[in-house]
PDB file of N, CA and C in Angstrom:
ATOM      1  N   MET A   1     185.047  16.368 -62.022  1.00  0.00           N
ATOM      2  CA  MET A   1     183.774  17.068 -62.226  1.00  0.00           C
ATOM      3  C   MET A   1     182.819  18.147 -61.789  1.00  0.00           C
ATOM      4  N   THR A   2     181.928  19.348 -62.622  1.00  0.00           N
ATOM      5  CA  THR A   2     181.603  19.872 -61.442  1.00  0.00           C
ATOM      6  C   THR A   2     180.669  20.106 -62.208  1.00  0.00           C
ATOM      7  N   PRO A   3     178.771  19.305 -62.373  1.00  0.00           N
ATOM      8  CA  PRO A   3     177.841  19.402 -62.277  1.00  0.00           C
ATOM      9  C   PRO A   3     177.234  21.275 -63.153  1.00  0.00           C
ATOM     10  N   PRO A   4     176.675  20.427 -64.494  1.00  0.00           N
ATOM     11  CA  PRO A   4     176.343  21.768 -65.385  1.00  0.00           C
ATOM     12  C   PRO A   4     175.376  22.719 -65.088  1.00  0.00           C
ATOM     13  N   LYS A   5     175.411  23.869 -65.427  1.00  0.00           N
ATOM     14  CA  LYS A   5     174.430  24.965 -64.315  1.00  0.00           C
ATOM     15  C   LYS A   5     173.224  24.736 -65.659  1.00  0.00           C
ATOM     16  N   PRO A   6     172.603  24.986 -64.670  1.00  0.00           N
ATOM     17  CA  PRO A   6     171.252  24.867 -64.960  1.00  0.00           C
ATOM     18  C   PRO A   6     170.564  25.713 -65.968  1.00  0.00           C
ATOM     19  N   ALA A   7     170.427  25.902 -66.995  1.00  0.00           N
ATOM     20  CA  ALA A   7     169.366  27.043 -68.426  1.00  0.00           C
ATOM     21  C   ALA A   7     169.190  28.313 -67.199  1.00  0.00           C
ATOM     22  N   ASP A   8     169.290  28.809 -67.949  1.00  0.00           N
ATOM     23  CA  ASP A   8     168.479  30.382 -67.775  1.00  0.00           C
ATOM     24  C   ASP A   8     167.319  29.910 -69.055  1.00  0.00           C
ATOM     25  N   ARG A   9     165.776  29.588 -68.709  1.00  0.00           N
ATOM     26  CA  ARG A   9     165.107  29.559 -69.106  1.00  0.00           C
ATOM     27  C   ARG A   9     163.579  29.840 -69.538  1.00  0.00           C
ATOM     28  N   SER A  10     164.046  31.721 -68.804  1.00  0.00           N
ATOM     29  CA  SER A  10     162.695  32.106 -67.917  1.00  0.00           C
ATOM     30  C   SER A  10     162.450  33.347 -69.493  1.00  0.00           C
ATOM     31  N   ARG A  11     163.607  34.109 -70.198  1.00  0.00           N
ATOM     32  CA  ARG A  11     163.836  34.502 -70.903  1.00  0.00           C
ATOM     33  C   ARG A  11     163.399  34.077 -72.829  1.00  0.00           C
ATOM     34  N   LYS A  12     163.539  32.802 -72.500  1.00  0.00           N
ATOM     35  CA  LYS A  12     163.972  31.667 -74.382  1.00  0.00           C
ATOM     36  C   LYS A  12     162.493  31.665 -74.460  1.00  0.00           C
ATOM     37  N   PRO A  13     161.511  31.147 -73.381  1.00  0.00           N
ATOM     38  CA  PRO A  13     159.924  30.732 -73.510  1.00  0.00           C
ATOM     39  C   PRO A  13     159.807  31.917 -74.068  1.00  0.00           C
ATOM     40  N   HIS A  14     158.967  32.796 -73.893  1.00  0.00           N
ATOM     41  CA  HIS A  14     158.988  34.662 -73.861  1.00  0.00           C
ATOM     42  C   HIS A  14     159.699  34.771 -76.016  1.00  0.00           C
ATOM     43  N   ARG A  15     160.943  35.241 -75.828  1.00  0.00           N
ATOM     44  CA  ARG A  15     160.717  34.063 -77.124  1.00  0.00           C
ATOM     45  C   ARG A  15     160.602  33.202 -78.341  1.00  0.00           C
ATOM     46  N   ASN A  16     160.191  32.355 -77.720  1.00  0.00           N
ATOM     47  CA  ASN A  16     159.664  31.982 -78.464  1.00  0.00           C
ATOM     48  C   ASN A  16     158.007  31.996 -78.340  1.00  0.00           C
ATOM     49  N   GLN A  17     157.664  32.467 -78.133  1.00  0.00           N
ATOM     50  CA  GLN A  17     156.524  32.240 -77.887  1.00  0.00           C
ATOM     51  C   GLN A  17     156.312  34.190 -78.502  1.00  0.00           C
ATOM     52  N   GLY A  18     157.266  35.034 -79.094  1.00  0.00           N
ATOM     53  CA  GLY A  18     156.620  35.922 -79.540  1.00  0.00           C
ATOM     54  C   GLY A  18     157.116  35.955 -80.802  1.00  0.00           C
ATOM     55  N   GLU A  19     157.999  34.669 -81.276  1.00  0.00           N
ATOM     56  CA  GLU A  19     158.080  34.129 -82.450  1.00  0.00           C
ATOM     57  C   GLU A  19     157.176  33.188 -83.140  1.00  0.00           C
ATOM     58  N   GLN A  20     156.956  32.876 -82.355  1.00  0.00           N
ATOM     59  CA  GLN A  20     155.351  31.410 -82.724  1.00  0.00           C
ATOM     60  C   GLN A  20     153.745  32.456 -83.250  1.00  0.00           C
ATOM     61  N   LEU A  21     153.604  33.409 -82.714  1.00  0.00           N
ATOM     62  CA  LEU A  21     152.660  34.066 -82.495  1.00  0.00           C
ATOM     63  C   LEU A  21     153.185  35.259 -84.500  1.00  0.00           C
ATOM     64  N   LYS A  22     154.675  35.978 -84.173  1.00  0.00           N
ATOM     65  CA  LYS A  22     154.922  36.233 -85.438  1.00  0.00           C
ATOM     66  C   LYS A  22     154.328  35.459 -86.787  1.00  0.00           C
ATOM     67  N   ASP A  23     154.905  34.061 -86.628  1.00  0.00           N
ATOM     68  CA  ASP A  23     154.838  32.621 -87.349  1.00  0.00           C
ATOM     69  C   ASP A  23     153.436  32.874 -88.455  1.00  0.00           C
ATOM     70  N   GLU A  24     152.095  32.408 -87.544  1.00  0.00           N
ATOM     71  CA  GLU A  24     150.715  32.405 -87.063  1.00  0.00           C
ATOM     72  C   GLU A  24     150.655  33.911 -87.759  1.00  0.00           C
ATOM     73  N   VAL A  25     150.811  34.805 -86.863  1.00  0.00           N
ATOM     74  CA  VAL A  25     149.994  36.047 -87.547  1.00  0.00           C
ATOM     75  C   VAL A  25     150.902  35.892 -89.689  1.00  0.00           C
ATOM     76  N   TYR A  26     152.130  35.886 -90.192  1.00  0.00           N
ATOM     77  CA  TYR A  26     152.553  35.543 -91.153  1.00  0.00           C
ATOM     78  C   TYR A  26     151.963  34.656 -91.955  1.00  0.00           C
ATOM     79  N   ARG A  27     151.349  33.494 -91.229  1.00  0.00           N
ATOM     80  CA  ARG A  27     150.820  32.149 -91.754  1.00  0.00           C
ATOM     81  C   ARG A  27     149.426  32.339 -92.542  1.00  0.00           C
ATOM     82  N   GLN A  28     149.023  32.902 -91.672  1.00  0.00           N
ATOM     83  CA  GLN A  28     147.669  33.676 -91.838  1.00  0.00           C
ATOM     84  C   GLN A  28     146.756  34.883 -93.183  1.00  0.00           C
ATOM     85  N   MET A  29     148.217  35.590 -93.037  1.00  0.00           N
ATOM     86  CA  MET A  29     148.567  36.379 -94.179  1.00  0.00           C
ATOM     87  C   MET A  29     148.606  35.619 -95.596  1.00  0.00           C
ATOM     88  N   PHE A  30     149.571  35.264 -95.508  1.00  0.00           N
ATOM     89  CA  PHE A  30     150.229  34.473 -96.736  1.00  0.00           C
ATOM     90  C   PHE A  30     148.429  33.368 -96.712  1.00  0.00           C
ATOM     91  N   ARG A  31     147.851  33.163 -95.903  1.00  0.00           N
ATOM     92  CA  ARG A  31     145.694  32.410 -96.451  1.00  0.00           C
ATOM     93  C   ARG A  31     145.702  33.134 -96.992  1.00  0.00           C
ATOM     94  N   LEU A  32     145.907  34.579 -96.465  1.00  0.00           N
ATOM     95  CA  LEU A  32     144.206  35.746 -96.881  1.00  0.00           C
ATOM     96  C   LEU A  32     145.026  35.677 -98.079  1.00  0.00           C
ATOM     97  N   GLU A  33     145.849  35.892 -98.590  1.00  0.00           N
ATOM     98  CA  GLU A  33     146.658  35.968-100.392  1.00  0.00           C
ATOM     99  C   GLU A  33     146.171  35.321-100.895  1.00  0.00           C
ATOM    100  N   GLU A  34     145.912  33.452-100.361  1.00  0.00           N
ATOM    101  CA  GLU A  34     145.658  32.924-101.548  1.00  0.00           C
ATOM    102  C   GLU A  34     144.005  32.618-101.459  1.00  0.00           C
ATOM    103  N   SER A  35     143.322  33.190-100.864  1.00  0.00           N
ATOM    104  CA  SER A  35     141.991  33.667-100.686  1.00  0.00           C
ATOM    105  C   SER A  35     141.244  32.217 -99.961  1.00  0.00           C
ATOM    106  N   ARG A  36     141.837  31.660 -98.996  1.00  0.00           N
ATOM    107  CA  ARG A  36     141.771  31.060 -98.081  1.00  0.00           C
ATOM    108  C   ARG A  36     139.543  31.039 -97.326  1.00  0.00           C
ATOM    109  N   PRO A  37     138.959  30.520 -97.226  1.00  0.00           N
ATOM    110  CA  PRO A  37     137.423  30.627 -96.769  1.00  0.00           C
ATOM    111  C   PRO A  37     138.040  30.557 -95.566  1.00  0.00           C
ATOM    112  N   GLY A  38     137.154  31.940 -95.041  1.00  0.00           N
ATOM    113  CA  GLY A  38     137.024  32.058 -93.242  1.00  0.00           C
ATOM    114  C   GLY A  38     138.459  32.529 -93.001  1.00  0.00           C
ATOM    115  N   VAL A  39     139.717  33.352 -93.643  1.00  0.00           N
ATOM    116  CA  VAL A  39     141.298  33.364 -92.597  1.00  0.00           C
ATOM    117  C   VAL A  39     141.470  34.377 -92.310  1.00  0.00           C
ATOM    118  N   GLU A  40     139.612  35.207 -93.063  1.00  0.00           N
ATOM    119  CA  GLU A  40     140.087  36.662 -92.495  1.00  0.00           C
ATOM    120  C   GLU A  40     139.588  36.578 -90.392  1.00  0.00           C
ATOM    121  N   MET A  41     139.153  36.353 -90.347  1.00  0.00           N
ATOM    122  CA  MET A  41     138.656  35.625 -88.327  1.00  0.00           C
ATOM    123  C   MET A  41     140.334  35.062 -88.009  1.00  0.00           C
ATOM    124  N   ALA A  42     140.551  34.258 -89.037  1.00  0.00           N
ATOM    125  CA  ALA A  42     142.263  33.554 -88.257  1.00  0.00           C
ATOM    126  C   ALA A  42     142.705  34.505 -88.086  1.00  0.00           C
ATOM    127  N   LEU A  43     143.267  35.377 -88.878  1.00  0.00           N
ATOM    128  CA  LEU A  43     144.727  36.206 -89.260  1.00  0.00           C
ATOM    129  C   LEU A  43     143.625  37.653 -87.936  1.00  0.00           C
ATOM    130  N   ALA A  44     142.160  37.748 -87.670  1.00  0.00           N
ATOM    131  CA  ALA A  44     142.368  38.756 -86.714  1.00  0.00           C
ATOM    132  C   ALA A  44     142.910  38.246 -85.699  1.00  0.00           C
ATOM    133  N   LEU A  45     142.080  37.105 -85.621  1.00  0.00           N
ATOM    134  CA  LEU A  45     142.137  36.040 -83.963  1.00  0.00           C
ATOM    135  C   LEU A  45     144.602  35.981 -83.704  1.00  0.00           C
ATOM    136  N   ALA A  46     144.551  35.559 -84.722  1.00  0.00           N
ATOM    137  CA  ALA A  46     146.049  35.553 -84.513  1.00  0.00           C
ATOM    138  C   ALA A  46     146.512  36.453 -84.472  1.00  0.00           C
ATOM    139  N   LEU A  47     146.580  38.535 -84.385  1.00  0.00           N
ATOM    140  CA  LEU A  47     146.028  39.574 -84.377  1.00  0.00           C
ATOM    141  C   LEU A  47     146.496  39.474 -83.032  1.00  0.00           C
ATOM    142  N   LEU A  48     144.721  39.311 -82.700  1.00  0.00           N
ATOM    143  CA  LEU A  48     144.260  39.231 -81.135  1.00  0.00           C
ATOM    144  C   LEU A  48     145.636  38.648 -80.329  1.00  0.00           C
ATOM    145  N   ARG A  49     146.218  37.822 -80.577  1.00  0.00           N
ATOM    146  CA  ARG A  49     146.970  36.219 -79.991  1.00  0.00           C
ATOM    147  C   ARG A  49     148.491  37.526 -79.464  1.00  0.00           C
ATOM    148  N   ALA A  50     148.909  38.029 -80.313  1.00  0.00           N
ATOM    149  CA  ALA A  50     149.771  38.625 -80.456  1.00  0.00           C
ATOM    150  C   ALA A  50     150.137  39.904 -79.504  1.00  0.00           C
ATOM    151  N   TRP A  51     148.916  40.426 -79.392  1.00  0.00           N
ATOM    152  CA  TRP A  51     149.151  41.919 -78.238  1.00  0.00           C
ATOM    153  C   TRP A  51     148.641  41.697 -77.415  1.00  0.00           C
ATOM    154  N   LEU A  52     147.715  40.400 -76.927  1.00  0.00           N
ATOM    155  CA  LEU A  52     147.339  40.422 -76.111  1.00  0.00           C
ATOM    156  C   LEU A  52     148.910  39.877 -74.941  1.00  0.00           C
ATOM    157  N   ALA A  53     149.745  39.006 -75.799  1.00  0.00           N
ATOM    158  CA  ALA A  53     151.343  38.143 -75.601  1.00  0.00           C
ATOM    159  C   ALA A  53     152.606  39.863 -75.343  1.00  0.00           C
ATOM    160  N   ALA A  54     152.294  41.035 -76.458  1.00  0.00           N
ATOM    161  CA  ALA A  54     153.691  41.505 -76.010  1.00  0.00           C
ATOM    162  C   ALA A  54     152.399  42.977 -75.314  1.00  0.00           C
ATOM    163  N   ASP A  55     151.335  42.721 -75.185  1.00  0.00           N
ATOM    164  CA  ASP A  55     150.744  43.533 -73.468  1.00  0.00           C
ATOM    165  C   ASP A  55     151.418  42.757 -72.041  1.00  0.00           C
ATOM    166  N   SER A  56     151.265  41.441 -71.942  1.00  0.00           N
ATOM    167  CA  SER A  56     151.809  40.053 -70.339  1.00  0.00           C
ATOM    168  C   SER A  56     152.700  40.447 -70.884  1.00  0.00           C
ATOM    169  N   LYS A  57     153.655  41.455 -71.339  1.00  0.00           N
ATOM    170  CA  LYS A  57     155.437  41.557 -70.918  1.00  0.00           C
ATOM    171  C   LYS A  57     155.964  42.898 -71.306  1.00  0.00           C
ATOM    172  N   PRO A  58     155.529  44.198 -70.194  1.00  0.00           N
ATOM    173  CA  PRO A  58     156.197  44.983 -69.941  1.00  0.00           C
ATOM    174  C   PRO A  58     156.788  46.086 -71.213  1.00  0.00           C
ATOM    175  N   GLU A  59     158.263  44.493 -70.702  1.00  0.00           N
ATOM    176  CA  GLU A  59     159.595  45.128 -70.986  1.00  0.00           C
ATOM    177  C   GLU A  59     159.852  44.891 -72.875  1.00  0.00           C
ATOM    178  N   ASN A  60     158.677  44.344 -73.435  1.00  0.00           N
ATOM    179  CA  ASN A  60     158.974  43.550 -75.137  1.00  0.00           C
ATOM    180  C   ASN A  60     158.381  44.611 -75.743  1.00  0.00           C
ATOM    181  N   GLY A  61     158.812  45.366 -75.872  1.00  0.00           N
ATOM    182  CA  GLY A  61     159.164  47.020 -77.189  1.00  0.00           C
ATOM    183  C   GLY A  61     159.284  46.401 -78.462  1.00  0.00           C
ATOM    184  N   GLU A  62     159.849  45.775 -78.783  1.00  0.00           N
ATOM    185  CA  GLU A  62     160.487  44.922 -79.822  1.00  0.00           C
ATOM    186  C   GLU A  62     158.693  44.259 -81.092  1.00  0.00           C
ATOM    187  N   GLU A  63     157.915  43.298 -79.514  1.00  0.00           N
ATOM    188  CA  GLU A  63     156.960  43.116 -80.207  1.00  0.00           C
ATOM    189  C   GLU A  63     156.263  43.789 -81.174  1.00  0.00           C
ATOM    190  N   ARG A  64     155.513  44.948 -80.073  1.00  0.00           N
ATOM    191  CA  ARG A  64     154.947  46.120 -79.342  1.00  0.00           C
ATOM    192  C   ARG A  64     155.212  46.817 -81.429  1.00  0.00           C
ATOM    193  N   ASP A  65     155.871  47.126 -81.078  1.00  0.00           N
ATOM    194  CA  ASP A  65     157.184  47.752 -82.891  1.00  0.00           C
ATOM    195  C   ASP A  65     156.441  47.334 -83.994  1.00  0.00           C
ATOM    196  N   TRP A  66     157.051  45.741 -84.017  1.00  0.00           N
ATOM    197  CA  TRP A  66     156.800  44.855 -84.859  1.00  0.00           C
ATOM    198  C   TRP A  66     154.502  44.551 -85.688  1.00  0.00           C
ATOM    199  N   LEU A  67     153.948  44.600 -84.209  1.00  0.00           N
ATOM    200  CA  LEU A  67     152.385  44.930 -84.121  1.00  0.00           C
ATOM    201  C   LEU A  67     152.065  46.736 -84.644  1.00  0.00           C
ATOM    202  N   ARG A  68     152.942  47.464 -84.403  1.00  0.00           N
ATOM    203  CA  ARG A  68     152.467  48.849 -84.454  1.00  0.00           C
ATOM    204  C   ARG A  68     152.826  48.314 -85.983  1.00  0.00           C
ATOM    205  N   LYS A  69     153.440  47.955 -87.073  1.00  0.00           N
ATOM    206  CA  LYS A  69     153.493  48.322 -87.815  1.00  0.00           C
ATOM    207  C   LYS A  69     152.907  47.517 -89.255  1.00  0.00           C
ATOM    208  N   VAL A  70     152.703  45.749 -88.786  1.00  0.00           N
ATOM    209  CA  VAL A  70     151.892  44.832 -89.540  1.00  0.00           C
ATOM    210  C   VAL A  70     150.233  44.874 -88.818  1.00  0.00           C
ATOM    211  N   SER A  71     149.602  45.844 -87.603  1.00  0.00           N
ATOM    212  CA  SER A  71     148.426  45.547 -87.922  1.00  0.00           C
ATOM    213  C   SER A  71     147.965  46.116 -89.176  1.00  0.00           C
ATOM    214  N   PRO A  72     148.424  47.381 -89.226  1.00  0.00           N
ATOM    215  CA  PRO A  72     147.841  48.774 -90.584  1.00  0.00           C
ATOM    216  C   PRO A  72     147.023  47.780 -91.478  1.00  0.00           C
ATOM    217  N   ILE A  73     148.966  46.638 -91.968  1.00  0.00           N
ATOM    218  CA  ILE A  73     148.252  46.093 -93.429  1.00  0.00           C
ATOM    219  C   ILE A  73     147.734  45.134 -93.517  1.00  0.00           C
ATOM    220  N   CYS A  74     147.584  43.764 -92.358  1.00  0.00           N
ATOM    221  CA  CYS A  74     146.070  42.987 -91.740  1.00  0.00           C
ATOM    222  C   CYS A  74     145.201  42.635 -91.625  1.00  0.00           C
ATOM    223  N   LEU A  75     144.974  43.942 -91.152  1.00  0.00           N
ATOM    224  CA  LEU A  75     143.664  45.291 -91.089  1.00  0.00           C
ATOM    225  C   LEU A  75     143.161  45.931 -92.671  1.00  0.00           C
ATOM    226  N   GLN A  76     143.486  45.947 -92.743  1.00  0.00           N
ATOM    227  CA  GLN A  76     144.084  46.591 -94.733  1.00  0.00           C
ATOM    228  C   GLN A  76     143.271  45.162 -95.654  1.00  0.00           C
ATOM    229  N   MET A  77     144.058  44.115 -94.785  1.00  0.00           N
ATOM    230  CA  MET A  77     144.554  42.981 -95.988  1.00  0.00           C
ATOM    231  C   MET A  77     142.839  42.198 -95.895  1.00  0.00           C
ATOM    232  N   ILE A  78     142.139  41.717 -94.150  1.00  0.00           N
ATOM    233  CA  ILE A  78     140.569  41.645 -94.353  1.00  0.00           C
ATOM    234  C   ILE A  78     139.466  42.331 -94.126  1.00  0.00           C
ATOM    235  N   GLU A  79     139.526  43.888 -94.537  1.00  0.00           N
ATOM    236  CA  GLU A  79     138.239  45.173 -94.656  1.00  0.00           C
ATOM    237  C   GLU A  79     138.578  44.797 -96.090  1.00  0.00           C
ATOM    238  N   THR A  80     140.076  44.862 -97.402  1.00  0.00           N
ATOM    239  CA  THR A  80     139.883  44.306 -98.890  1.00  0.00           C
ATOM    240  C   THR A  80     139.057  43.031 -99.120  1.00  0.00           C
ATOM    241  N   ALA A  81     139.314  41.398 -98.360  1.00  0.00           N
ATOM    242  CA  ALA A  81     138.901  40.676 -98.787  1.00  0.00           C
ATOM    243  C   ALA A  81     137.702  40.181 -97.944  1.00  0.00           C
ATOM    244  N   LEU A  82     136.907  41.186 -97.443  1.00  0.00           N
ATOM    245  CA  LEU A  82     135.568  40.898 -96.476  1.00  0.00           C
ATOM    246  C   LEU A  82     134.633  41.842 -97.538  1.00  0.00           C
ATOM    247  N   LYS A  83     135.288  42.571 -98.850  1.00  0.00           N
ATOM    248  CA  LYS A  83     134.160  43.989 -99.067  1.00  0.00           C
ATOM    249  C   LYS A  83     134.226  42.387-100.642  1.00  0.00           C
ATOM    250  N   ARG A  84     136.084  42.584-101.048  1.00  0.00           N
ATOM    251  CA  ARG A  84     136.174  41.296-102.055  1.00  0.00           C
ATOM    252  C   ARG A  84     135.252  40.494-101.829  1.00  0.00           C
ATOM    253  N   GLU A  85     134.248  39.543-100.766  1.00  0.00           N
ATOM    254  CA  GLU A  85     133.528  38.338-100.437  1.00  0.00           C
ATOM    255  C   GLU A  85     131.367  39.081 -99.848  1.00  0.00           C
ATOM    256  N   VAL A  86     132.137  39.651-100.273  1.00  0.00           N
ATOM    257  CA  VAL A  86     130.512  40.906 -99.963  1.00  0.00           C
ATOM    258  C   VAL A  86     129.821  41.406-101.691  1.00  0.00           C
ATOM    259  N   ALA A  87     131.280  41.341-102.494  1.00  0.00           N
ATOM    260  CA  ALA A  87     130.565  41.729-103.623  1.00  0.00           C
ATOM    261  C   ALA A  87     130.842  40.768-104.502  1.00  0.00           C
ATOM    262  N   THR A  88     131.371  39.064-104.371  1.00  0.00           N
ATOM    263  CA  THR A  88     131.269  37.852-105.415  1.00  0.00           C
ATOM    264  C   THR A  88     129.911  37.141-104.331  1.00  0.00           C
ATOM    265  N   ILE A  89     129.260  37.499-103.423  1.00  0.00           N
ATOM    266  CA  ILE A  89     128.227  37.324-102.741  1.00  0.00           C
ATOM    267  C   ILE A  89     126.979  37.850-104.416  1.00  0.00           C
ATOM    268  N   SER A  90     126.419  39.062-104.094  1.00  0.00           N
ATOM    269  CA  SER A  90     125.839  39.885-104.653  1.00  0.00           C
ATOM    270  C   SER A  90     126.596  39.712-106.367  1.00  0.00           C
ATOM    271  N   CYS A  91     127.496  39.501-106.647  1.00  0.00           N
ATOM    272  CA  CYS A  91     127.356  38.978-108.163  1.00  0.00           C
ATOM    273  C   CYS A  91     126.703  37.549-108.079  1.00  0.00           C
ATOM    274  N   ALA A  92     127.325  36.368-107.132  1.00  0.00           N
ATOM    275  CA  ALA A  92     125.872  35.140-107.639  1.00  0.00           C
ATOM    276  C   ALA A  92     125.001  35.386-106.982  1.00  0.00           C
ATOM    277  N   ARG A  93     124.222  36.302-106.524  1.00  0.00           N
ATOM    278  CA  ARG A  93     122.944  36.054-106.909  1.00  0.00           C
ATOM    279  C   ARG A  93     122.042  37.032-107.887  1.00  0.00           C
ATOM    280  N   GLY A  94     123.100  37.420-108.879  1.00  0.00           N
ATOM    281  CA  GLY A  94     122.333  37.910-109.742  1.00  0.00           C
ATOM    282  C   GLY A  94     122.303  39.765-109.681  1.00  0.00           C
ATOM    283  N   HIS A  95     121.988  40.326-108.741  1.00  0.00           N
ATOM    284  CA  HIS A  95     122.824  41.679-108.902  1.00  0.00           C
ATOM    285  C   HIS A  95     123.959  42.189-109.561  1.00  0.00           C
ATOM    286  N   SER A  96     124.198  43.391-110.149  1.00  0.00           N
ATOM    287  CA  SER A  96     124.984  43.627-110.673  1.00  0.00           C
ATOM    288  C   SER A  96     126.728  44.133-110.121  1.00  0.00           C
ATOM    289  N   CYS A  97     126.928  43.842-110.852  1.00  0.00           N
ATOM    290  CA  CYS A  97     128.698  42.999-110.619  1.00  0.00           C
ATOM    291  C   CYS A  97     129.142  44.556-111.273  1.00  0.00           C
TER     292      CYS A  97
END
């Protein structure tokens, strides 16, 4: 009986990290859709972490392609939520809505 070969784990952690970062971004997008307070910053941080991870691995073009597609959507969601929040605060203070 021959001993088992050691598993090549050099690629798997990177893939798992990439998938975890995607999950985090999607999770924050859903939270923003539910109008959870403070989630704008959480989504921005999740995007930043994803970009930093993608930039640390030059061979990972697939993650960058995904980020190029999802980032404009996320930024638009964040801007819309912030504008809505400012409008809500103005209405609460008695300004015209």
